[in-house]
Amino acid sequence: MAGTTFNLEDLDPPTESRFKVEAGMLDLIERLQSEGLSQTDIAVALADAAEEYVIRLATTFELDHKDTRQYRN
């Protein structure tokens, strides 16, 4: 796909999706706190997991949309 660019603005979720994700995250945080995890542990784990998920998505996107012609001499 020559000329295809990966634009972070394309990844901004619609407001409704963002609301659902945040609501689910807050439910998860509340449940984890009730199981004894600290706010710090939860925040760091969520940040790490989110980063890994974004990297996985980006890698999948790049592999699915790689233009092999750009690597030819």
N, C-alpha and C. Protein backbone atom coordinates (compact mmCIF):
# COMPACT_ATOMS: atom_id res chain seq x y z
N MET A 1 0.83 -1.18 0.00
CA MET A 1 0.00 0.00 0.00
C MET A 1 0.87 1.24 0.00
N ALA A 2 1.33 1.63 -1.15
CA ALA A 2 2.19 2.79 -1.25
C ALA A 2 1.45 4.03 -0.78
N GLY A 3 2.16 4.86 -0.03
CA GLY A 3 1.57 6.11 0.43
C GLY A 3 0.70 5.99 1.67
N THR A 4 0.57 4.79 2.22
CA THR A 4 -0.23 4.62 3.42
C THR A 4 0.54 5.15 4.62
N THR A 5 -0.09 6.00 5.40
CA THR A 5 0.54 6.52 6.60
C THR A 5 -0.26 6.09 7.81
N PHE A 6 0.43 5.97 8.91
CA PHE A 6 -0.19 5.60 10.18
C PHE A 6 -0.34 6.88 10.98
N ASN A 7 -1.57 7.29 11.22
CA ASN A 7 -1.86 8.56 11.86
C ASN A 7 -2.49 8.32 13.23
N LEU A 8 -1.88 8.82 14.29
CA LEU A 8 -2.42 8.60 15.63
C LEU A 8 -3.81 9.18 15.80
N GLU A 9 -4.13 10.26 15.08
CA GLU A 9 -5.46 10.84 15.19
C GLU A 9 -6.54 9.86 14.75
N ASP A 10 -6.18 8.93 13.86
CA ASP A 10 -7.14 7.93 13.39
C ASP A 10 -7.52 6.96 14.50
N LEU A 11 -6.73 6.92 15.56
CA LEU A 11 -6.98 5.98 16.65
C LEU A 11 -7.82 6.56 17.78
N ASP A 12 -8.14 7.85 17.71
CA ASP A 12 -8.96 8.45 18.76
C ASP A 12 -10.32 7.78 18.76
N PRO A 13 -10.68 7.15 19.88
CA PRO A 13 -11.97 6.45 19.91
C PRO A 13 -13.13 7.44 19.98
N PRO A 14 -14.27 7.06 19.42
CA PRO A 14 -15.46 7.90 19.57
C PRO A 14 -15.79 8.06 21.05
N THR A 15 -16.46 9.13 21.38
CA THR A 15 -16.79 9.44 22.77
C THR A 15 -17.47 8.28 23.46
N GLU A 16 -18.43 7.63 22.81
CA GLU A 16 -19.15 6.52 23.42
C GLU A 16 -18.21 5.36 23.76
N SER A 17 -17.31 5.05 22.84
CA SER A 17 -16.34 3.97 23.09
C SER A 17 -15.43 4.34 24.25
N ARG A 18 -14.97 5.57 24.27
CA ARG A 18 -14.09 6.01 25.35
C ARG A 18 -14.80 5.90 26.69
N PHE A 19 -16.06 6.31 26.74
CA PHE A 19 -16.84 6.22 27.97
C PHE A 19 -16.94 4.78 28.44
N LYS A 20 -17.23 3.86 27.52
CA LYS A 20 -17.37 2.44 27.88
C LYS A 20 -16.05 1.86 28.39
N VAL A 21 -14.95 2.23 27.74
CA VAL A 21 -13.63 1.72 28.16
C VAL A 21 -13.29 2.26 29.55
N GLU A 22 -13.52 3.56 29.76
CA GLU A 22 -13.21 4.14 31.07
C GLU A 22 -14.09 3.56 32.16
N ALA A 23 -15.36 3.33 31.87
CA ALA A 23 -16.26 2.73 32.87
C ALA A 23 -15.79 1.33 33.22
N GLY A 24 -15.41 0.56 32.22
CA GLY A 24 -14.90 -0.78 32.47
C GLY A 24 -13.60 -0.76 33.26
N MET A 25 -12.73 0.19 32.93
CA MET A 25 -11.48 0.32 33.65
C MET A 25 -11.72 0.67 35.12
N LEU A 26 -12.65 1.60 35.36
CA LEU A 26 -12.94 1.98 36.75
C LEU A 26 -13.53 0.81 37.53
N ASP A 27 -14.37 0.01 36.88
CA ASP A 27 -14.90 -1.20 37.53
C ASP A 27 -13.76 -2.16 37.87
N LEU A 28 -12.85 -2.34 36.93
CA LEU A 28 -11.70 -3.22 37.14
C LEU A 28 -10.84 -2.71 38.29
N ILE A 29 -10.57 -1.42 38.31
CA ILE A 29 -9.75 -0.83 39.37
C ILE A 29 -10.41 -1.04 40.73
N GLU A 30 -11.71 -0.81 40.79
CA GLU A 30 -12.42 -1.00 42.06
C GLU A 30 -12.33 -2.45 42.52
N ARG A 31 -12.51 -3.38 41.59
CA ARG A 31 -12.43 -4.80 41.95
C ARG A 31 -11.02 -5.18 42.42
N LEU A 32 -10.01 -4.69 41.72
CA LEU A 32 -8.64 -5.01 42.10
C LEU A 32 -8.28 -4.41 43.45
N GLN A 33 -8.77 -3.21 43.73
CA GLN A 33 -8.53 -2.61 45.05
C GLN A 33 -9.20 -3.43 46.14
N SER A 34 -10.38 -3.95 45.87
CA SER A 34 -11.08 -4.77 46.87
C SER A 34 -10.34 -6.09 47.11
N GLU A 35 -9.50 -6.48 46.15
CA GLU A 35 -8.69 -7.69 46.29
C GLU A 35 -7.34 -7.39 46.94
N GLY A 36 -7.12 -6.12 47.31
CA GLY A 36 -5.93 -5.77 48.05
C GLY A 36 -4.81 -5.12 47.27
N LEU A 37 -4.97 -4.91 45.98
CA LEU A 37 -3.92 -4.26 45.21
C LEU A 37 -3.94 -2.76 45.49
N SER A 38 -2.75 -2.16 45.50
CA SER A 38 -2.65 -0.73 45.75
C SER A 38 -2.96 0.05 44.47
N GLN A 39 -3.31 1.33 44.65
CA GLN A 39 -3.58 2.19 43.51
C GLN A 39 -2.35 2.28 42.61
N THR A 40 -1.18 2.34 43.22
CA THR A 40 0.06 2.44 42.45
C THR A 40 0.29 1.19 41.61
N ASP A 41 0.13 0.02 42.25
CA ASP A 41 0.31 -1.24 41.51
C ASP A 41 -0.66 -1.35 40.35
N ILE A 42 -1.90 -0.96 40.59
CA ILE A 42 -2.92 -1.02 39.54
C ILE A 42 -2.58 -0.06 38.42
N ALA A 43 -2.23 1.17 38.76
CA ALA A 43 -1.93 2.18 37.74
C ALA A 43 -0.76 1.75 36.87
N VAL A 44 0.29 1.26 37.49
CA VAL A 44 1.48 0.84 36.73
C VAL A 44 1.16 -0.36 35.85
N ALA A 45 0.44 -1.32 36.39
CA ALA A 45 0.08 -2.51 35.62
C ALA A 45 -0.82 -2.15 34.44
N LEU A 46 -1.79 -1.27 34.67
CA LEU A 46 -2.67 -0.84 33.58
C LEU A 46 -1.89 -0.09 32.50
N ALA A 47 -0.99 0.79 32.91
CA ALA A 47 -0.19 1.53 31.95
C ALA A 47 0.69 0.59 31.12
N ASP A 48 1.31 -0.37 31.78
CA ASP A 48 2.16 -1.35 31.07
C ASP A 48 1.32 -2.17 30.10
N ALA A 49 0.18 -2.65 30.56
CA ALA A 49 -0.68 -3.47 29.72
C ALA A 49 -1.20 -2.68 28.53
N ALA A 50 -1.58 -1.42 28.75
CA ALA A 50 -2.07 -0.58 27.66
C ALA A 50 -0.96 -0.34 26.64
N GLU A 51 0.24 -0.06 27.12
CA GLU A 51 1.37 0.16 26.21
C GLU A 51 1.64 -1.08 25.37
N GLU A 52 1.66 -2.24 26.01
CA GLU A 52 1.91 -3.48 25.28
C GLU A 52 0.81 -3.75 24.25
N TYR A 53 -0.43 -3.43 24.60
CA TYR A 53 -1.54 -3.64 23.68
C TYR A 53 -1.42 -2.72 22.46
N VAL A 54 -1.07 -1.46 22.70
CA VAL A 54 -0.90 -0.51 21.60
C VAL A 54 0.25 -0.95 20.70
N ILE A 55 1.34 -1.40 21.28
CA ILE A 55 2.47 -1.88 20.49
C ILE A 55 2.05 -3.09 19.65
N ARG A 56 1.31 -4.01 20.26
CA ARG A 56 0.83 -5.19 19.53
C ARG A 56 -0.06 -4.76 18.36
N LEU A 57 -0.97 -3.82 18.60
CA LEU A 57 -1.84 -3.34 17.52
C LEU A 57 -1.03 -2.66 16.42
N ALA A 58 -0.08 -1.84 16.81
CA ALA A 58 0.75 -1.14 15.83
C ALA A 58 1.56 -2.13 15.00
N THR A 59 2.10 -3.14 15.65
CA THR A 59 2.89 -4.15 14.95
C THR A 59 2.01 -4.90 13.96
N THR A 60 0.81 -5.28 14.39
CA THR A 60 -0.13 -5.98 13.52
C THR A 60 -0.50 -5.09 12.34
N PHE A 61 -0.75 -3.80 12.61
CA PHE A 61 -1.09 -2.86 11.54
C PHE A 61 0.04 -2.76 10.54
N GLU A 62 1.27 -2.63 11.05
CA GLU A 62 2.42 -2.51 10.16
C GLU A 62 2.61 -3.76 9.32
N LEU A 63 2.44 -4.94 9.92
CA LEU A 63 2.60 -6.18 9.18
C LEU A 63 1.51 -6.35 8.13
N ASP A 64 0.29 -5.94 8.47
CA ASP A 64 -0.83 -6.07 7.53
C ASP A 64 -0.74 -5.07 6.38
N HIS A 65 -0.05 -3.94 6.60
CA HIS A 65 -0.03 -2.88 5.60
C HIS A 65 1.38 -2.59 5.07
N LYS A 66 2.28 -3.52 5.27
CA LYS A 66 3.67 -3.30 4.84
C LYS A 66 3.75 -3.31 3.32
N ASP A 67 4.41 -2.30 2.78
CA ASP A 67 4.63 -2.21 1.34
C ASP A 67 6.01 -2.81 1.08
N THR A 68 6.03 -4.04 0.59
CA THR A 68 7.29 -4.73 0.40
C THR A 68 8.16 -4.07 -0.66
N ARG A 69 7.58 -3.27 -1.56
CA ARG A 69 8.37 -2.61 -2.60
C ARG A 69 9.37 -1.63 -2.02
N GLN A 70 9.11 -1.09 -0.83
CA GLN A 70 10.03 -0.11 -0.26
C GLN A 70 11.35 -0.73 0.18
N TYR A 71 11.41 -2.06 0.25
CA TYR A 71 12.63 -2.74 0.68
C TYR A 71 13.45 -3.26 -0.49
N ARG A 72 12.98 -3.05 -1.71
CA ARG A 72 13.73 -3.51 -2.87
C ARG A 72 14.82 -2.49 -3.22
N ASN A 73 15.94 -3.00 -3.73
CA ASN A 73 17.05 -2.12 -4.16
C ASN A 73 16.85 -1.64 -5.56
